[in-house]
Structure formats: structure tokens, C-alpha cells
Amino acid sequence: MMLRAELFGLVLLAALPSHAAPSHALGADGGVGHVTGIGGVFVTSKNPKALAAWYHDMLGMKVESWGGAVLSYDAPLHPPKAAWMALRSGSAYMAPSPRPFMLDFAVDDLDAVVARLAAHGVTILKRDDSDPSGKFAWIVDPDGTKIELWQPKRP
């Protein structure tokens, strides 16, 4: 299980063994009727086609004819879980984005993704290769959405 916590304005990730899942992970009463995962992320844009093309060209996402991309949970090297966390309004972790959310994409090779972004003139806001849960880089898309790129630590 992935645990995320904000400390001193930073969001921290920590991998927890599956047996360490909190009791509320199965629903308030331990039964059915709870969220099981992220089914999609939907954003608005003044130019959705141009934004989709940017995600294709910069991040390598296969954009389908309907305008979005399908990200498979069982893709090679993809982490088995996704994190959700509410941050305090105005959190410095979201800067410089004006949006009230951030996207976090798991990547298979952060060095290759960062090289492609840099070759296309995309500013890398920050890079951190020392985090215990893996390597990170942060960028902003053309609509101002902050993106966290995460290469999970390999076993």
C-alpha cells in the first residue's frame, strides 16, 4: 500500500506492505459499497485536442480517437496501487499551478521522459532522485496543471 503524507509542505510517499492496510480500506463496515480504485481523471481545457497532443508528444500517452488515453493498471513496472490525498488549500506543493489538483503519473524510465521533455523545451521544475520510494520530477502542462512524474523504486 502507498501512504502519502504532507510534512513541511512536501508530500511524502511510503510503500507499506499490503497487510498494513488501514481497517477502513475495506469500507467503513468492512463490506461492500466503497471505492476500489481510480476509474479515470477528467480535466477541462480551452483546447482539449492540443492538450491531448501535448500529453501524447511529451509523455508518450497513446491518445485514442475519442480524445483520451487508457492507462492500464497492469502495465509493466506499474505500481499496484494509486494514492489519493487532500492537501490544505494554498499548499506550496501545488505551486506554481493555479489548479486545485495535481496529476501524478508513474513512469517506466524517468531519465528518458525527462530527456524527451527537455528536448522539447519543457521546464523541469524540480528533480529528486533521493526519495526512498523512487525518483521524481515535476513539470507543468500547457494548461497550468502541475504534473508529478514518479519512477517507483525497483525491488
N, C-alpha and C. Protein backbone atom coordinates (compact mmCIF):
# COMPACT_ATOMS: atom_id res chain seq x y z
N MET A 1 0.85 -1.18 0.00
CA MET A 1 0.00 0.00 0.00
C MET A 1 0.89 1.23 0.00
N MET A 2 0.46 2.26 -0.69
CA MET A 2 1.20 3.51 -0.75
C MET A 2 0.55 4.49 0.23
N LEU A 3 1.36 5.06 1.08
CA LEU A 3 0.89 6.05 2.03
C LEU A 3 1.50 7.39 1.65
N ARG A 4 0.70 8.42 1.63
CA ARG A 4 1.15 9.75 1.27
C ARG A 4 0.87 10.67 2.43
N ALA A 5 1.83 11.50 2.80
CA ALA A 5 1.63 12.43 3.91
C ALA A 5 2.29 13.76 3.58
N GLU A 6 1.67 14.85 4.03
CA GLU A 6 2.27 16.17 3.81
C GLU A 6 3.01 16.55 5.08
N LEU A 7 4.28 16.92 4.90
CA LEU A 7 5.12 17.30 6.01
C LEU A 7 5.96 18.49 5.57
N PHE A 8 5.87 19.60 6.26
CA PHE A 8 6.61 20.80 5.91
C PHE A 8 6.37 21.22 4.46
N GLY A 9 5.14 21.06 3.98
CA GLY A 9 4.80 21.46 2.63
C GLY A 9 5.20 20.47 1.56
N LEU A 10 5.74 19.32 1.94
CA LEU A 10 6.12 18.30 0.98
C LEU A 10 5.21 17.11 1.11
N VAL A 11 4.87 16.51 -0.02
CA VAL A 11 4.08 15.29 0.03
C VAL A 11 5.05 14.13 0.00
N LEU A 12 4.94 13.25 0.97
CA LEU A 12 5.83 12.11 1.08
C LEU A 12 5.09 10.85 0.70
N LEU A 13 5.76 9.96 0.01
CA LEU A 13 5.19 8.66 -0.34
C LEU A 13 5.92 7.60 0.46
N ALA A 14 5.19 6.61 0.89
CA ALA A 14 5.82 5.50 1.58
C ALA A 14 5.12 4.22 1.18
N ALA A 15 5.89 3.23 0.83
CA ALA A 15 5.31 1.94 0.47
C ALA A 15 5.09 1.14 1.75
N LEU A 16 3.89 0.64 1.91
CA LEU A 16 3.56 -0.18 3.06
C LEU A 16 3.20 -1.57 2.58
N PRO A 17 3.52 -2.60 3.33
CA PRO A 17 3.10 -3.93 2.93
C PRO A 17 1.58 -4.02 2.91
N SER A 18 1.04 -4.87 2.05
CA SER A 18 -0.42 -4.94 1.90
C SER A 18 -1.12 -5.30 3.21
N HIS A 19 -0.47 -6.05 4.10
CA HIS A 19 -1.12 -6.39 5.37
C HIS A 19 -1.21 -5.17 6.29
N ALA A 20 -0.54 -4.05 5.92
CA ALA A 20 -0.58 -2.86 6.76
C ALA A 20 -1.70 -1.91 6.35
N ALA A 21 -2.59 -2.38 5.48
CA ALA A 21 -3.69 -1.53 5.03
C ALA A 21 -4.56 -1.14 6.22
N PRO A 22 -4.96 0.14 6.29
CA PRO A 22 -5.82 0.54 7.39
C PRO A 22 -7.16 -0.18 7.32
N SER A 23 -7.81 -0.36 8.46
CA SER A 23 -9.06 -1.12 8.51
C SER A 23 -10.15 -0.49 7.66
N HIS A 24 -10.12 0.83 7.48
CA HIS A 24 -11.15 1.49 6.69
C HIS A 24 -10.96 1.27 5.19
N ALA A 25 -9.86 0.62 4.77
CA ALA A 25 -9.62 0.40 3.35
C ALA A 25 -10.67 -0.53 2.74
N LEU A 26 -11.33 -1.34 3.55
CA LEU A 26 -12.35 -2.25 3.05
C LEU A 26 -13.75 -1.66 3.13
N GLY A 27 -13.86 -0.43 3.46
CA GLY A 27 -15.17 0.19 3.64
C GLY A 27 -15.38 0.42 5.12
N ALA A 28 -16.24 1.33 5.44
CA ALA A 28 -16.47 1.69 6.84
C ALA A 28 -16.89 0.49 7.67
N ASP A 29 -17.67 -0.42 7.07
CA ASP A 29 -18.15 -1.57 7.83
C ASP A 29 -17.44 -2.86 7.44
N GLY A 30 -16.38 -2.77 6.63
CA GLY A 30 -15.66 -3.96 6.21
C GLY A 30 -16.34 -4.69 5.06
N GLY A 31 -17.45 -4.16 4.56
CA GLY A 31 -18.19 -4.83 3.50
C GLY A 31 -18.11 -4.09 2.18
N VAL A 32 -19.12 -4.27 1.37
CA VAL A 32 -19.17 -3.65 0.05
C VAL A 32 -19.67 -2.22 0.13
N GLY A 33 -19.59 -1.52 -1.00
CA GLY A 33 -20.10 -0.15 -1.05
C GLY A 33 -19.01 0.87 -0.81
N HIS A 34 -17.83 0.68 -1.41
CA HIS A 34 -16.73 1.61 -1.22
C HIS A 34 -15.94 1.75 -2.54
N VAL A 35 -15.12 2.76 -2.62
CA VAL A 35 -14.29 2.99 -3.79
C VAL A 35 -13.22 1.91 -3.85
N THR A 36 -12.99 1.38 -5.05
CA THR A 36 -11.98 0.33 -5.23
C THR A 36 -10.76 0.80 -6.00
N GLY A 37 -10.83 1.96 -6.60
CA GLY A 37 -9.69 2.47 -7.35
C GLY A 37 -10.09 3.68 -8.17
N ILE A 38 -9.11 4.23 -8.86
CA ILE A 38 -9.37 5.38 -9.72
C ILE A 38 -9.84 4.86 -11.07
N GLY A 39 -11.00 5.31 -11.50
CA GLY A 39 -11.55 4.88 -12.77
C GLY A 39 -11.24 5.83 -13.91
N GLY A 40 -10.82 7.04 -13.59
CA GLY A 40 -10.46 8.00 -14.63
C GLY A 40 -10.15 9.35 -14.03
N VAL A 41 -9.48 10.16 -14.81
CA VAL A 41 -9.18 11.53 -14.44
C VAL A 41 -9.64 12.39 -15.61
N PHE A 42 -10.45 13.38 -15.34
CA PHE A 42 -11.03 14.21 -16.39
C PHE A 42 -10.70 15.66 -16.08
N VAL A 43 -10.14 16.37 -17.05
CA VAL A 43 -9.76 17.76 -16.87
C VAL A 43 -10.42 18.60 -17.95
N THR A 44 -10.60 19.87 -17.67
CA THR A 44 -11.13 20.79 -18.69
C THR A 44 -9.96 21.54 -19.31
N SER A 45 -10.16 21.98 -20.56
CA SER A 45 -9.12 22.70 -21.28
C SER A 45 -9.78 23.60 -22.31
N LYS A 46 -9.19 24.76 -22.56
CA LYS A 46 -9.69 25.63 -23.62
C LYS A 46 -9.45 25.01 -24.99
N ASN A 47 -8.45 24.11 -25.08
CA ASN A 47 -8.13 23.45 -26.33
C ASN A 47 -7.81 21.98 -26.06
N PRO A 48 -8.85 21.14 -25.86
CA PRO A 48 -8.63 19.74 -25.49
C PRO A 48 -7.78 18.96 -26.50
N LYS A 49 -7.95 19.22 -27.80
CA LYS A 49 -7.16 18.49 -28.80
C LYS A 49 -5.68 18.82 -28.69
N ALA A 50 -5.36 20.09 -28.50
CA ALA A 50 -3.96 20.48 -28.36
C ALA A 50 -3.36 19.91 -27.07
N LEU A 51 -4.14 19.90 -25.99
CA LEU A 51 -3.66 19.34 -24.73
C LEU A 51 -3.42 17.84 -24.87
N ALA A 52 -4.34 17.13 -25.53
CA ALA A 52 -4.16 15.69 -25.75
C ALA A 52 -2.91 15.43 -26.59
N ALA A 53 -2.68 16.26 -27.61
CA ALA A 53 -1.48 16.11 -28.44
C ALA A 53 -0.22 16.33 -27.60
N TRP A 54 -0.25 17.30 -26.68
CA TRP A 54 0.91 17.54 -25.80
C TRP A 54 1.18 16.32 -24.92
N TYR A 55 0.15 15.75 -24.34
CA TYR A 55 0.33 14.56 -23.50
C TYR A 55 0.87 13.39 -24.32
N HIS A 56 0.44 13.28 -25.56
CA HIS A 56 0.97 12.24 -26.45
C HIS A 56 2.44 12.50 -26.76
N ASP A 57 2.75 13.71 -27.21
CA ASP A 57 4.10 14.03 -27.64
C ASP A 57 5.10 14.12 -26.49
N MET A 58 4.70 14.69 -25.37
CA MET A 58 5.63 14.91 -24.26
C MET A 58 5.73 13.72 -23.31
N LEU A 59 4.60 13.05 -23.05
CA LEU A 59 4.59 11.98 -22.05
C LEU A 59 4.39 10.59 -22.66
N GLY A 60 4.22 10.54 -23.97
CA GLY A 60 4.12 9.24 -24.64
C GLY A 60 2.79 8.54 -24.44
N MET A 61 1.75 9.27 -24.03
CA MET A 61 0.45 8.65 -23.81
C MET A 61 -0.22 8.39 -25.17
N LYS A 62 -0.78 7.20 -25.33
CA LYS A 62 -1.48 6.86 -26.57
C LYS A 62 -2.89 7.45 -26.48
N VAL A 63 -3.11 8.51 -27.24
CA VAL A 63 -4.41 9.18 -27.24
C VAL A 63 -5.32 8.47 -28.23
N GLU A 64 -6.47 8.04 -27.74
CA GLU A 64 -7.43 7.29 -28.56
C GLU A 64 -8.29 8.24 -29.39
N SER A 65 -9.04 7.70 -30.33
CA SER A 65 -9.87 8.50 -31.22
C SER A 65 -10.92 9.32 -30.47
N TRP A 66 -11.32 8.88 -29.28
CA TRP A 66 -12.32 9.60 -28.50
C TRP A 66 -11.71 10.74 -27.69
N GLY A 67 -10.37 10.93 -27.80
CA GLY A 67 -9.73 12.10 -27.21
C GLY A 67 -9.01 11.89 -25.90
N GLY A 68 -9.11 10.70 -25.33
CA GLY A 68 -8.45 10.41 -24.06
C GLY A 68 -7.48 9.25 -24.19
N ALA A 69 -6.90 8.85 -23.09
CA ALA A 69 -5.95 7.75 -23.06
C ALA A 69 -6.38 6.74 -22.00
N VAL A 70 -6.07 5.49 -22.25
CA VAL A 70 -6.33 4.42 -21.29
C VAL A 70 -4.99 4.05 -20.66
N LEU A 71 -4.91 4.15 -19.34
CA LEU A 71 -3.70 3.82 -18.61
C LEU A 71 -3.96 2.53 -17.83
N SER A 72 -3.32 1.47 -18.22
CA SER A 72 -3.58 0.16 -17.65
C SER A 72 -2.87 -0.02 -16.31
N TYR A 73 -3.60 -0.53 -15.34
CA TYR A 73 -3.00 -0.84 -14.03
C TYR A 73 -1.99 -1.97 -14.14
N ASP A 74 -2.15 -2.85 -15.13
CA ASP A 74 -1.24 -3.99 -15.24
C ASP A 74 -0.12 -3.76 -16.25
N ALA A 75 0.18 -2.49 -16.57
CA ALA A 75 1.30 -2.19 -17.45
C ALA A 75 2.60 -2.62 -16.77
N PRO A 76 3.58 -3.07 -17.56
CA PRO A 76 4.86 -3.49 -16.96
C PRO A 76 5.46 -2.38 -16.10
N LEU A 77 5.95 -2.74 -14.94
CA LEU A 77 6.60 -1.85 -13.97
C LEU A 77 5.67 -0.83 -13.33
N HIS A 78 4.36 -0.94 -13.57
CA HIS A 78 3.41 0.00 -12.94
C HIS A 78 3.18 -0.41 -11.49
N PRO A 79 3.15 0.55 -10.59
CA PRO A 79 2.87 0.21 -9.19
C PRO A 79 1.46 -0.38 -9.06
N PRO A 80 1.26 -1.28 -8.11
CA PRO A 80 -0.03 -1.95 -7.98
C PRO A 80 -1.13 -1.11 -7.35
N LYS A 81 -0.81 0.09 -6.88
CA LYS A 81 -1.82 0.91 -6.20
C LYS A 81 -1.66 2.37 -6.60
N ALA A 82 -2.72 3.13 -6.42
CA ALA A 82 -2.70 4.58 -6.66
C ALA A 82 -3.00 5.30 -5.35
N ALA A 83 -2.47 6.49 -5.22
CA ALA A 83 -2.67 7.27 -3.99
C ALA A 83 -3.69 8.38 -4.22
N TRP A 84 -4.41 8.73 -3.19
CA TRP A 84 -5.30 9.90 -3.17
C TRP A 84 -5.02 10.62 -1.87
N MET A 85 -4.97 11.94 -1.94
CA MET A 85 -4.74 12.72 -0.72
C MET A 85 -5.29 14.12 -0.89
N ALA A 86 -5.88 14.64 0.16
CA ALA A 86 -6.34 16.03 0.19
C ALA A 86 -5.25 16.87 0.85
N LEU A 87 -4.85 17.93 0.18
CA LEU A 87 -3.88 18.87 0.73
C LEU A 87 -4.61 20.14 1.15
N ARG A 88 -4.03 20.85 2.08
CA ARG A 88 -4.61 22.12 2.52
C ARG A 88 -4.61 23.12 1.35
N SER A 89 -5.68 23.88 1.20
CA SER A 89 -5.75 24.91 0.17
C SER A 89 -4.53 25.82 0.28
N GLY A 90 -3.96 26.16 -0.86
CA GLY A 90 -2.80 27.03 -0.88
C GLY A 90 -1.49 26.32 -0.59
N SER A 91 -1.51 24.98 -0.53
CA SER A 91 -0.29 24.23 -0.27
C SER A 91 0.79 24.59 -1.28
N ALA A 92 1.98 24.85 -0.78
CA ALA A 92 3.11 25.18 -1.65
C ALA A 92 3.46 24.02 -2.57
N TYR A 93 3.05 22.83 -2.22
CA TYR A 93 3.35 21.65 -3.04
C TYR A 93 2.69 21.75 -4.41
N MET A 94 1.60 22.48 -4.52
CA MET A 94 0.89 22.61 -5.79
C MET A 94 1.48 23.70 -6.68
N ALA A 95 2.29 24.59 -6.13
CA ALA A 95 2.87 25.70 -6.90
C ALA A 95 3.77 25.15 -8.00
N PRO A 96 3.82 25.81 -9.12
CA PRO A 96 3.23 27.09 -9.45
C PRO A 96 1.86 26.99 -10.11
N SER A 97 1.22 25.85 -10.03
CA SER A 97 -0.06 25.65 -10.71
C SER A 97 -1.19 26.42 -10.04
N PRO A 98 -2.06 27.04 -10.84
CA PRO A 98 -3.23 27.70 -10.28
C PRO A 98 -4.37 26.70 -10.03
N ARG A 99 -4.21 25.48 -10.52
CA ARG A 99 -5.27 24.47 -10.39
C ARG A 99 -5.30 23.88 -8.99
N PRO A 100 -6.46 23.46 -8.54
CA PRO A 100 -6.57 22.90 -7.19
C PRO A 100 -6.24 21.41 -7.11
N PHE A 101 -5.58 20.87 -8.13
CA PHE A 101 -5.20 19.46 -8.14
C PHE A 101 -3.89 19.30 -8.89
N MET A 102 -3.27 18.14 -8.73
CA MET A 102 -2.05 17.80 -9.44
C MET A 102 -2.20 16.37 -9.95
N LEU A 103 -1.61 16.09 -11.09
CA LEU A 103 -1.59 14.73 -11.62
C LEU A 103 -0.26 14.09 -11.27
N ASP A 104 -0.29 12.83 -10.88
CA ASP A 104 0.93 12.08 -10.58
C ASP A 104 0.91 10.88 -11.52
N PHE A 105 1.87 10.82 -12.43
CA PHE A 105 1.96 9.71 -13.36
C PHE A 105 3.17 8.85 -13.01
N ALA A 106 2.96 7.53 -12.92
CA ALA A 106 4.05 6.59 -12.78
C ALA A 106 4.68 6.43 -14.16
N VAL A 107 6.00 6.42 -14.22
CA VAL A 107 6.72 6.26 -15.49
C VAL A 107 7.69 5.09 -15.38
N ASP A 108 8.03 4.51 -16.53
CA ASP A 108 8.94 3.37 -16.52
C ASP A 108 10.41 3.78 -16.51
N ASP A 109 10.74 4.96 -17.04
CA ASP A 109 12.12 5.42 -17.11
C ASP A 109 12.14 6.94 -17.01
N LEU A 110 12.32 7.45 -15.82
CA LEU A 110 12.26 8.90 -15.61
C LEU A 110 13.32 9.64 -16.41
N ASP A 111 14.52 9.07 -16.51
CA ASP A 111 15.58 9.73 -17.27
C ASP A 111 15.16 9.94 -18.73
N ALA A 112 14.55 8.93 -19.34
CA ALA A 112 14.12 9.03 -20.73
C ALA A 112 13.00 10.06 -20.89
N VAL A 113 12.05 10.06 -19.95
CA VAL A 113 10.94 11.03 -20.02
C VAL A 113 11.47 12.44 -19.86
N VAL A 114 12.33 12.66 -18.89
CA VAL A 114 12.90 13.99 -18.66
C VAL A 114 13.72 14.45 -19.87
N ALA A 115 14.47 13.54 -20.47
CA ALA A 115 15.25 13.90 -21.67
C ALA A 115 14.33 14.33 -22.81
N ARG A 116 13.23 13.61 -23.02
CA ARG A 116 12.27 13.98 -24.08
C ARG A 116 11.66 15.35 -23.78
N LEU A 117 11.27 15.57 -22.53
CA LEU A 117 10.68 16.86 -22.15
C LEU A 117 11.67 18.00 -22.37
N ALA A 118 12.90 17.82 -21.92
CA ALA A 118 13.92 18.86 -22.07
C ALA A 118 14.20 19.14 -23.54
N ALA A 119 14.21 18.10 -24.37
CA ALA A 119 14.46 18.28 -25.80
C ALA A 119 13.35 19.09 -26.47
N HIS A 120 12.17 19.07 -25.86
CA HIS A 120 11.04 19.85 -26.40
C HIS A 120 10.84 21.17 -25.66
N GLY A 121 11.79 21.54 -24.81
CA GLY A 121 11.73 22.83 -24.14
C GLY A 121 10.82 22.90 -22.93
N VAL A 122 10.39 21.75 -22.41
CA VAL A 122 9.54 21.75 -21.21
C VAL A 122 10.43 21.96 -19.99
N THR A 123 10.06 22.91 -19.16
CA THR A 123 10.82 23.21 -17.95
C THR A 123 10.61 22.13 -16.90
N ILE A 124 11.70 21.62 -16.38
CA ILE A 124 11.64 20.68 -15.25
C ILE A 124 11.71 21.54 -13.99
N LEU A 125 10.62 21.58 -13.24
CA LEU A 125 10.55 22.43 -12.05
C LEU A 125 11.51 21.96 -10.97
N LYS A 126 11.60 20.64 -10.81
CA LYS A 126 12.43 20.06 -9.76
C LYS A 126 12.65 18.60 -10.10
N ARG A 127 13.74 18.06 -9.62
CA ARG A 127 14.04 16.64 -9.79
C ARG A 127 14.54 16.12 -8.46
N ASP A 128 14.10 14.93 -8.06
CA ASP A 128 14.54 14.31 -6.82
C ASP A 128 14.76 12.82 -7.06
N ASP A 129 16.03 12.42 -7.06
CA ASP A 129 16.37 11.01 -7.24
C ASP A 129 16.70 10.34 -5.92
N SER A 130 16.49 11.05 -4.79
CA SER A 130 16.91 10.51 -3.50
C SER A 130 15.75 10.01 -2.63
N ASP A 131 14.53 10.11 -3.09
CA ASP A 131 13.38 9.70 -2.29
C ASP A 131 13.38 8.18 -2.13
N PRO A 132 13.09 7.67 -0.93
CA PRO A 132 13.09 6.21 -0.72
C PRO A 132 12.07 5.45 -1.57
N SER A 133 11.03 6.14 -2.06
CA SER A 133 10.02 5.44 -2.85
C SER A 133 10.29 5.50 -4.35
N GLY A 134 11.36 6.20 -4.76
CA GLY A 134 11.71 6.25 -6.17
C GLY A 134 12.19 7.62 -6.59
N LYS A 135 12.23 7.82 -7.91
CA LYS A 135 12.69 9.09 -8.49
C LYS A 135 11.49 9.94 -8.89
N PHE A 136 11.62 11.26 -8.76
CA PHE A 136 10.53 12.18 -9.08
C PHE A 136 11.03 13.35 -9.93
N ALA A 137 10.14 13.87 -10.74
CA ALA A 137 10.36 15.14 -11.44
C ALA A 137 9.00 15.82 -11.54
N TRP A 138 9.00 17.16 -11.58
CA TRP A 138 7.76 17.92 -11.64
C TRP A 138 7.81 18.87 -12.83
N ILE A 139 6.69 18.94 -13.55
CA ILE A 139 6.55 19.83 -14.70
C ILE A 139 5.15 20.46 -14.64
N VAL A 140 4.87 21.34 -15.58
CA VAL A 140 3.54 21.94 -15.70
C VAL A 140 3.11 21.78 -17.15
N ASP A 141 1.86 21.33 -17.37
CA ASP A 141 1.37 21.18 -18.74
C ASP A 141 0.94 22.54 -19.31
N PRO A 142 0.60 22.61 -20.60
CA PRO A 142 0.25 23.90 -21.21
C PRO A 142 -0.95 24.61 -20.58
N ASP A 143 -1.81 23.86 -19.88
CA ASP A 143 -2.96 24.49 -19.21
C ASP A 143 -2.67 24.87 -17.77
N GLY A 144 -1.44 24.69 -17.31
CA GLY A 144 -1.06 25.08 -15.96
C GLY A 144 -1.23 24.00 -14.91
N THR A 145 -1.52 22.77 -15.31
CA THR A 145 -1.66 21.68 -14.35
C THR A 145 -0.27 21.15 -13.98
N LYS A 146 0.00 21.11 -12.69
CA LYS A 146 1.27 20.55 -12.23
C LYS A 146 1.20 19.03 -12.37
N ILE A 147 2.31 18.46 -12.85
CA ILE A 147 2.41 17.02 -13.04
C ILE A 147 3.62 16.51 -12.28
N GLU A 148 3.38 15.48 -11.49
CA GLU A 148 4.46 14.79 -10.80
C GLU A 148 4.72 13.51 -11.58
N LEU A 149 5.96 13.32 -11.98
CA LEU A 149 6.37 12.09 -12.67
C LEU A 149 7.13 11.25 -11.67
N TRP A 150 6.74 10.00 -11.53
CA TRP A 150 7.29 9.14 -10.49
C TRP A 150 7.74 7.82 -11.09
N GLN A 151 9.03 7.53 -10.94
CA GLN A 151 9.54 6.20 -11.28
C GLN A 151 9.69 5.45 -9.97
N PRO A 152 8.78 4.50 -9.70
CA PRO A 152 8.84 3.77 -8.43
C PRO A 152 10.17 3.06 -8.26
N LYS A 153 10.59 2.95 -7.02
CA LYS A 153 11.82 2.22 -6.70
C LYS A 153 11.64 0.77 -7.11
N ARG A 154 12.63 0.24 -7.76
CA ARG A 154 12.60 -1.16 -8.20
C ARG A 154 13.01 -2.07 -7.05
N PRO A 155 12.35 -3.22 -6.96
CA PRO A 155 12.72 -4.15 -5.87
C PRO A 155 14.13 -4.67 -6.02
